[in-house]
């Protein structure tokens, strides 16, 4: 069961990476595209942290602090644009 979850997560990460590459190569540059790319990057980061680094077993303080820091970083990057 655990191996199936890891393979599914890996496949989803590959799909998000391919989608990000396709979106970034489009000629349309807008705030929506930048926001979508940042959402994909944040989601991939959270997936890697929780699935592969086993943050899901960590104390809730670390989970919340990671998500809040990531959210603040995404808001700052998208907000500056």
Protein backbone atom coordinates (compact mmCIF):
# COMPACT_ATOMS: atom_id res chain seq x y z
CA UNK A 1 0.00 0.00 0.00
CA UNK A 2 2.81 2.41 0.88
CA UNK A 3 4.62 1.78 -2.39
CA UNK A 4 1.44 2.49 -4.34
CA UNK A 5 1.05 5.85 -2.54
CA UNK A 6 4.64 6.80 -3.33
CA UNK A 7 4.26 5.89 -6.99
CA UNK A 8 1.01 7.83 -7.24
CA UNK A 9 2.63 10.87 -5.62
CA UNK A 10 5.61 10.60 -7.95
CA UNK A 11 3.35 10.37 -11.01
CA UNK A 12 1.37 13.39 -9.83
CA UNK A 13 4.59 15.35 -9.32
CA UNK A 14 5.68 14.50 -12.86
CA UNK A 15 2.30 15.58 -14.22
CA UNK A 16 2.48 18.91 -12.37
CA UNK A 17 6.02 19.45 -13.65
CA UNK A 18 4.99 18.83 -17.25
CA UNK A 19 1.98 21.13 -16.86
CA UNK A 20 4.21 23.82 -15.37
CA UNK A 21 6.63 23.52 -18.29
CA UNK A 22 3.82 23.77 -20.83
CA UNK A 23 2.29 26.79 -19.11
CA UNK A 24 5.61 28.59 -18.78
CA UNK A 25 6.38 28.06 -22.48
CA UNK A 26 3.13 29.66 -23.59
CA UNK A 27 3.36 33.15 -24.99
CA UNK A 28 0.63 34.47 -22.70
CA UNK A 29 2.15 36.07 -19.62
CA UNK A 30 -0.33 37.29 -17.08
CA UNK A 31 -0.79 37.48 -13.35
CA UNK A 32 -3.10 34.48 -13.59
CA UNK A 33 -0.41 32.35 -15.23
CA UNK A 34 2.18 33.39 -12.65
CA UNK A 35 -0.28 32.64 -9.86
CA UNK A 36 -1.05 29.23 -11.37
CA UNK A 37 2.65 28.39 -11.65
CA UNK A 38 3.23 29.46 -8.05
CA UNK A 39 0.28 27.35 -6.92
CA UNK A 40 1.73 24.33 -8.74
CA UNK A 41 5.15 24.94 -7.18
CA UNK A 42 3.69 25.33 -3.70
CA UNK A 43 1.58 22.21 -4.10
CA UNK A 44 4.58 20.22 -5.30
CA UNK A 45 6.62 21.49 -2.35
CA UNK A 46 3.93 20.47 0.15
CA UNK A 47 3.52 17.08 -1.52
CA UNK A 48 7.25 16.39 -1.35
CA UNK A 49 7.50 17.61 2.23
CA UNK A 50 4.58 15.57 3.51
CA UNK A 51 4.98 12.44 1.40
CA UNK A 52 8.69 11.94 0.84
CA UNK A 53 10.16 13.79 3.83
CA UNK A 54 7.49 12.27 6.10
CA UNK A 55 6.39 15.56 7.57
CA UNK A 56 2.95 14.00 8.03
CA UNK A 57 4.37 12.26 11.11
CA UNK A 58 5.84 15.46 12.54
CA UNK A 59 4.41 17.68 15.27
CA UNK A 60 1.56 19.91 14.11
CA UNK A 61 3.67 23.03 14.85
CA UNK A 62 6.04 22.09 12.02
CA UNK A 63 3.22 21.33 9.63
CA UNK A 64 1.48 24.64 10.29
CA UNK A 65 4.69 26.66 10.22
CA UNK A 66 5.72 25.14 6.88
CA UNK A 67 2.36 25.85 5.27
CA UNK A 68 2.19 29.40 6.67
CA UNK A 69 5.73 30.21 5.55
CA UNK A 70 5.07 28.80 2.10
CA UNK A 71 1.80 30.71 1.84
CA UNK A 72 3.51 33.95 2.84
CA UNK A 73 6.27 33.37 0.30
CA UNK A 74 3.78 32.72 -2.50
CA UNK A 75 1.75 35.80 -1.59
CA UNK A 76 4.88 37.96 -1.55
CA UNK A 77 6.11 36.67 -4.91
CA UNK A 78 2.74 36.96 -6.65
CA UNK A 79 2.02 40.31 -4.97
CA UNK A 80 5.26 41.89 -6.20
CA UNK A 81 4.45 41.01 -9.79
